[in-house]
C-alpha atoms as a PDB file:
ATOM      1  CA  MET A   1      -0.385   0.295  -0.008  1.00  0.00           C
ATOM      2  CA  THR A   2       0.850   3.718  -0.905  1.00  0.00           C
ATOM      3  CA  HIS A   3      -0.171   6.991   1.497  1.00  0.00           C
ATOM      4  CA  ILE A   4      -0.981   9.309  -0.608  1.00  0.00           C
ATOM      5  CA  GLN A   5      -1.545  12.393   2.381  1.00  0.00           C
ATOM      6  CA  PHE A   6      -2.302  15.831   1.100  1.00  0.00           C
ATOM      7  CA  ASN A   7      -4.488  19.979   1.058  1.00  0.00           C
ATOM      8  CA  HIS A   8      -6.568  20.639  -0.820  1.00  0.00           C
ATOM      9  CA  SER A   9      -8.853  23.762  -1.172  1.00  0.00           C
ATOM     10  CA  GLY A  10      -8.486  23.497   3.248  1.00  0.00           C
ATOM     11  CA  LYS A  11      -9.561  20.262   3.332  1.00  0.00           C
ATOM     12  CA  GLU A  12      -6.394  17.785   4.553  1.00  0.00           C
ATOM     13  CA  TYR A  13      -7.165  14.115   2.055  1.00  0.00           C
ATOM     14  CA  ASN A  14      -5.957  10.726   2.936  1.00  0.00           C
ATOM     15  CA  PHE A  15      -5.194   7.766   0.349  1.00  0.00           C
ATOM     16  CA  ALA A  16      -4.227   4.162   0.253  1.00  0.00           C
ATOM     17  CA  LEU A  17      -3.924   2.580  -2.371  1.00  0.00           C
ATOM     18  CA  PRO A  18      -2.618  -0.569  -3.913  1.00  0.00           C
ATOM     19  CA  ILE A  19       0.569  -0.205  -6.413  1.00  0.00           C
ATOM     20  CA  ASN A  20       1.024  -2.278 -10.039  1.00  0.00           C
ATOM     21  CA  THR A  21       4.332  -1.744  -9.830  1.00  0.00           C
ATOM     22  CA  ASN A  22       4.870  -3.008 -13.875  1.00  0.00           C
ATOM     23  CA  ALA A  23       2.169  -0.444 -15.146  1.00  0.00           C
ATOM     24  CA  VAL A  24       1.255   3.040 -15.181  1.00  0.00           C
ATOM     25  CA  GLN A  25      -2.057   3.132 -13.558  1.00  0.00           C
ATOM     26  CA  ARG A  26      -5.161   4.737 -13.196  1.00  0.00           C
ATOM     27  CA  THR A  27      -7.633   4.805 -10.291  1.00  0.00           C
ATOM     28  CA  GLU A  28     -10.232   6.848  -9.514  1.00  0.00           C
ATOM     29  CA  VAL A  29     -11.128   7.289  -5.303  1.00  0.00           C
ATOM     30  CA  ILE A  30     -14.704   9.036  -4.258  1.00  0.00           C
ATOM     31  CA  THR A  31     -14.408  11.045  -1.609  1.00  0.00           C
ATOM     32  CA  ILE A  32     -17.392  13.298  -0.136  1.00  0.00           C
ATOM     33  CA  ASP A  33     -17.255  16.100  -2.101  1.00  0.00           C
ATOM     34  CA  LYS A  34     -14.656  15.602  -4.489  1.00  0.00           C
ATOM     35  CA  LEU A  35     -13.829  13.261  -6.759  1.00  0.00           C
ATOM     36  CA  PHE A  36      -9.816  12.533  -7.600  1.00  0.00           C
ATOM     37  CA  VAL A  37      -7.753  10.675 -10.060  1.00  0.00           C
ATOM     38  CA  VAL A  38      -4.857   9.268  -9.479  1.00  0.00           C
ATOM     39  CA  CYS A  39      -2.257   8.325 -11.477  1.00  0.00           C
ATOM     40  CA  VAL A  40       1.206   5.993 -10.773  1.00  0.00           C
ATOM     41  CA  GLU A  41       4.215   6.033 -13.467  1.00  0.00           C
ATOM     42  CA  MET A  42       6.927   3.819 -12.719  1.00  0.00           C
ATOM     43  CA  THR A  43       9.448   4.469 -15.476  1.00  0.00           C
ATOM     44  CA  LYS A  44       9.208   8.557 -12.982  1.00  0.00           C
ATOM     45  CA  ASN A  45       9.338   7.378  -9.773  1.00  0.00           C
ATOM     46  CA  ILE A  46       5.967   9.922  -9.663  1.00  0.00           C
ATOM     47  CA  ILE A  47       2.045   9.896  -8.363  1.00  0.00           C
ATOM     48  CA  ASN A  48      -0.060  12.899  -9.468  1.00  0.00           C
ATOM     49  CA  VAL A  49      -3.603  13.456  -7.672  1.00  0.00           C
ATOM     50  CA  TYR A  50      -5.563  15.252  -9.839  1.00  0.00           C
ATOM     51  CA  GLU A  51      -9.218  17.354  -9.253  1.00  0.00           C
ATOM     52  CA  VAL A  52     -12.446  15.416 -11.431  1.00  0.00           C
ATOM     53  CA  SER A  53     -13.640  19.020 -12.989  1.00  0.00           C
ATOM     54  CA  GLU A  54     -17.834  18.378 -13.574  1.00  0.00           C
ATOM     55  CA  GLU A  55     -17.698  20.692 -16.362  1.00  0.00           C
ATOM     56  CA  PHE A  56     -17.827  18.966 -19.467  1.00  0.00           C
ATOM     57  CA  PHE A  57     -14.659  20.788 -21.905  1.00  0.00           C
ATOM     58  CA  GLU A  58     -12.757  21.768 -18.863  1.00  0.00           C
ATOM     59  CA  ALA A  59     -10.038  19.351 -17.481  1.00  0.00           C
ATOM     60  CA  ASN A  60      -8.949  18.200 -14.222  1.00  0.00           C
ATOM     61  CA  THR A  61      -7.072  20.065 -12.370  1.00  0.00           C
ATOM     62  CA  LEU A  62      -3.366  18.396 -10.487  1.00  0.00           C
ATOM     63  CA  VAL A  63      -3.509  19.258  -6.418  1.00  0.00           C
ATOM     64  CA  HIS A  64      -1.029  16.512  -5.796  1.00  0.00           C
ATOM     65  CA  THR A  65       2.261  15.465  -7.282  1.00  0.00           C
ATOM     66  CA  GLN A  66       4.063  13.005  -5.335  1.00  0.00           C
ATOM     67  CA  PRO A  67       8.011  10.312  -5.220  1.00  0.00           C
ATOM     68  CA  ILE A  68       6.986   6.354  -5.062  1.00  0.00           C
ATOM     69  CA  LYS A  69      10.234   6.182  -3.415  1.00  0.00           C
ATOM     70  CA  LYS A  70      12.698   8.525  -2.355  1.00  0.00           C
ATOM     71  CA  ALA A  71      14.814   7.388  -5.268  1.00  0.00           C
ATOM     72  CA  VAL A  72      15.324   4.480  -8.194  1.00  0.00           C
ATOM     73  CA  VAL A  73      18.650   2.396  -8.063  1.00  0.00           C
ATOM     74  CA  ARG A  74      19.184   0.005 -10.998  1.00  0.00           C
ATOM     75  CA  ALA A  75      19.798  -3.417 -11.055  1.00  0.00           C
ATOM     76  CA  THR A  76      22.702  -3.275 -12.589  1.00  0.00           C
ATOM     77  CA  ALA A  77      24.361  -0.501 -10.161  1.00  0.00           C
ATOM     78  CA  PHE A  78      23.254  -2.205  -7.138  1.00  0.00           C
ATOM     79  CA  ILE A  79      24.874  -5.543  -8.323  1.00  0.00           C
ATOM     80  CA  ASP A  80      28.180  -3.924  -9.169  1.00  0.00           C
ATOM     81  CA  TRP A  81      28.464  -2.873  -6.143  1.00  0.00           C
ATOM     82  CA  TYR A  82      27.197  -5.378  -4.232  1.00  0.00           C
ATOM     83  CA  LEU A  83      29.328  -7.501  -5.298  1.00  0.00           C
ATOM     84  CA  ASN A  84      32.600  -4.470  -4.466  1.00  0.00           C
ATOM     85  CA  GLY A  85      33.600  -5.886  -2.204  1.00  0.00           C
ATOM     86  CA  MET A  86      35.783  -9.126  -1.016  1.00  0.00           C
ATOM     87  CA  ASP A  87      33.747  -9.517   2.194  1.00  0.00           C
ATOM     88  CA  THR A  88      30.637  -8.863   0.736  1.00  0.00           C
ATOM     89  CA  PHE A  89      31.818 -11.565  -1.920  1.00  0.00           C
ATOM     90  CA  TYR A  90      33.192 -13.781   0.421  1.00  0.00           C
ATOM     91  CA  ASP A  91      30.226 -13.929   2.614  1.00  0.00           C
ATOM     92  CA  LEU A  92      27.313 -14.465  -0.926  1.00  0.00           C
ATOM     93  CA  MET A  93      29.475 -18.011  -1.843  1.00  0.00           C
ATOM     94  CA  GLN A  94      29.947 -19.083   1.584  1.00  0.00           C
ATOM     95  CA  ASP A  95      26.123 -18.390   2.273  1.00  0.00           C
ATOM     96  CA  SER A  96      25.379 -20.501  -1.784  1.00  0.00           C
ATOM     97  CA  LYS A  97      27.676 -23.061  -0.615  1.00  0.00           C
ATOM     98  CA  MET A  98      25.749 -23.939   2.338  1.00  0.00           C
ATOM     99  CA  TYR A  99      22.450 -23.774   0.605  1.00  0.00           C
ATOM    100  CA  LEU A 100      24.554 -25.216  -2.434  1.00  0.00           C
ATOM    101  CA  ARG A 101      24.841 -28.847  -0.310  1.00  0.00           C
ATOM    102  CA  ARG A 102      21.757 -28.307   2.105  1.00  0.00           C
ATOM    103  CA  ASN A 103      19.397 -28.330  -1.815  1.00  0.00           C
ATOM    104  CA  GLY A 104      21.931 -29.368  -4.138  1.00  0.00           C
ATOM    105  CA  LYS A 105      20.754 -26.588  -6.139  1.00  0.00           C
ATOM    106  CA  ILE A 106      20.519 -22.617  -6.119  1.00  0.00           C
ATOM    107  CA  SER A 107      18.167 -19.806  -7.172  1.00  0.00           C
ATOM    108  CA  LEU A 108      19.060 -16.364  -6.970  1.00  0.00           C
ATOM    109  CA  THR A 109      18.524 -12.197  -8.475  1.00  0.00           C
ATOM    110  CA  ALA A 110      19.309  -9.260  -8.054  1.00  0.00           C
ATOM    111  CA  PHE A 111      16.313  -8.175  -5.990  1.00  0.00           C
ATOM    112  CA  ASP A 112      16.756 -11.278  -3.844  1.00  0.00           C
ATOM    113  CA  LEU A 113      20.379  -9.395  -3.258  1.00  0.00           C
ATOM    114  CA  PHE A 114      18.462  -6.016  -2.811  1.00  0.00           C
ATOM    115  CA  LYS A 115      15.609  -7.384   0.081  1.00  0.00           C
ATOM    116  CA  ASN A 116      18.312  -8.697   1.957  1.00  0.00           C
ATOM    117  CA  CYS A 117      20.755  -5.750   1.645  1.00  0.00           C
ATOM    118  CA  GLY A 118      21.274  -3.549   5.312  1.00  0.00           C
ATOM    119  CA  TYR A 119      21.982   0.405   3.299  1.00  0.00           C
ATOM    120  CA  ILE A 120      22.029   1.062  -0.358  1.00  0.00           C
ATOM    121  CA  PRO A 121      24.407   4.734  -0.368  1.00  0.00           C
ATOM    122  CA  LYS A 122      22.747   6.462  -2.805  1.00  0.00           C
ATOM    123  CA  ASP A 123      25.213   8.098  -4.963  1.00  0.00           C
ATOM    124  CA  ILE A 124      23.877   4.765  -6.984  1.00  0.00           C
ATOM    125  CA  CYS A 125      20.520   5.872  -7.054  1.00  0.00           C
ATOM    126  CA  VAL A 126      18.945   8.070  -8.898  1.00  0.00           C
ATOM    127  CA  ASN A 127      15.393  10.594  -9.355  1.00  0.00           C
ATOM    128  CA  ILE A 128      16.676  11.083  -5.276  1.00  0.00           C
ATOM    129  CA  MET A 129      14.158  13.578  -4.008  1.00  0.00           C
ATOM    130  CA  GLN A 130      15.549  17.015  -2.595  1.00  0.00           C
ATOM    131  CA  ASP A 131      15.947  16.622   0.862  1.00  0.00           C
ATOM    132  CA  ALA A 132      18.743  18.448   2.790  1.00  0.00           C
ATOM    133  CA  ASN A 133      18.830  16.388   6.137  1.00  0.00           C
ATOM    134  CA  ALA A 134      19.245  13.089   3.512  1.00  0.00           C
ATOM    135  CA  ASP A 135      21.797  10.793   4.784  1.00  0.00           C
ATOM    136  CA  GLU A 136      24.803   9.369   2.702  1.00  0.00           C
ATOM    137  CA  GLU A 137      22.108   5.660   2.591  1.00  0.00           C
ATOM    138  CA  TYR A 138      18.697   4.604   2.538  1.00  0.00           C
ATOM    139  CA  ASP A 139      17.085   1.644   4.344  1.00  0.00           C
ATOM    140  CA  SER A 140      16.144  -1.131   1.131  1.00  0.00           C
ATOM    141  CA  GLU A 141      12.348  -0.261   1.778  1.00  0.00           C
ATOM    142  CA  GLU A 142      12.938   4.000   0.657  1.00  0.00           C
ATOM    143  CA  ILE A 143      14.364   2.950  -2.965  1.00  0.00           C
ATOM    144  CA  LEU A 144      12.580   1.716  -6.351  1.00  0.00           C
ATOM    145  CA  PHE A 145      14.736  -1.104  -7.295  1.00  0.00           C
ATOM    146  CA  MET A 146      14.422  -1.127 -11.285  1.00  0.00           C
ATOM    147  CA  ASP A 147      15.828  -4.263 -12.854  1.00  0.00           C
ATOM    148  CA  ASP A 148      17.306  -3.378 -15.468  1.00  0.00           C
ATOM    149  CA  TYR A 149      18.766  -6.826 -16.693  1.00  0.00           C
ATOM    150  CA  GLN A 150      15.198  -7.058 -17.952  1.00  0.00           C
ATOM    151  CA  ASP A 151      14.689  -6.685 -22.144  1.00  0.00           C
ATOM    152  CA  ASP A 152      11.668  -4.102 -20.419  1.00  0.00           C
ATOM    153  CA  ALA A 153      12.845  -2.624 -16.975  1.00  0.00           C
ATOM    154  CA  THR A 154      10.828  -3.956 -14.855  1.00  0.00           C
ATOM    155  CA  TYR A 155      10.107  -2.598 -10.887  1.00  0.00           C
ATOM    156  CA  LEU A 156       9.996  -3.452  -7.892  1.00  0.00           C
ATOM    157  CA  MET A 157       9.595  -2.158  -4.370  1.00  0.00           C
ATOM    158  CA  LEU A 158       9.223  -4.015  -0.522  1.00  0.00           C
END
């Protein structure tokens, strides 16, 4: 669920919407007094909320914009960074050895490594929100993961 909270015309609105991570999504949200259209664009890491006008020829009005996540990290950049350190590489090989002994096979994706990573450095991320108090790293749940190993990039989030 993604939470969208904003003020419009002196009133507070708060929505919680499930997000389909592999598509542009357009959802109508009806409140007591207004009709909104929420557009989610994963490739741009953005959520736009429009107030729907009741006038026939009038365009919908953009009333709120927010990022889906603080930043986006590409799988290729993440793997380059993640496997760069010898300690991490050694730990990964030890874990792989243990799983192979136990199951005789191993299945591992870049997203699996991302999910279990303790932090993601800011310098390998793109589309970063401007935040004066930003740390030099992010938790993985704050980031949108773009699997660019696919022909068509797939967007994933925790």
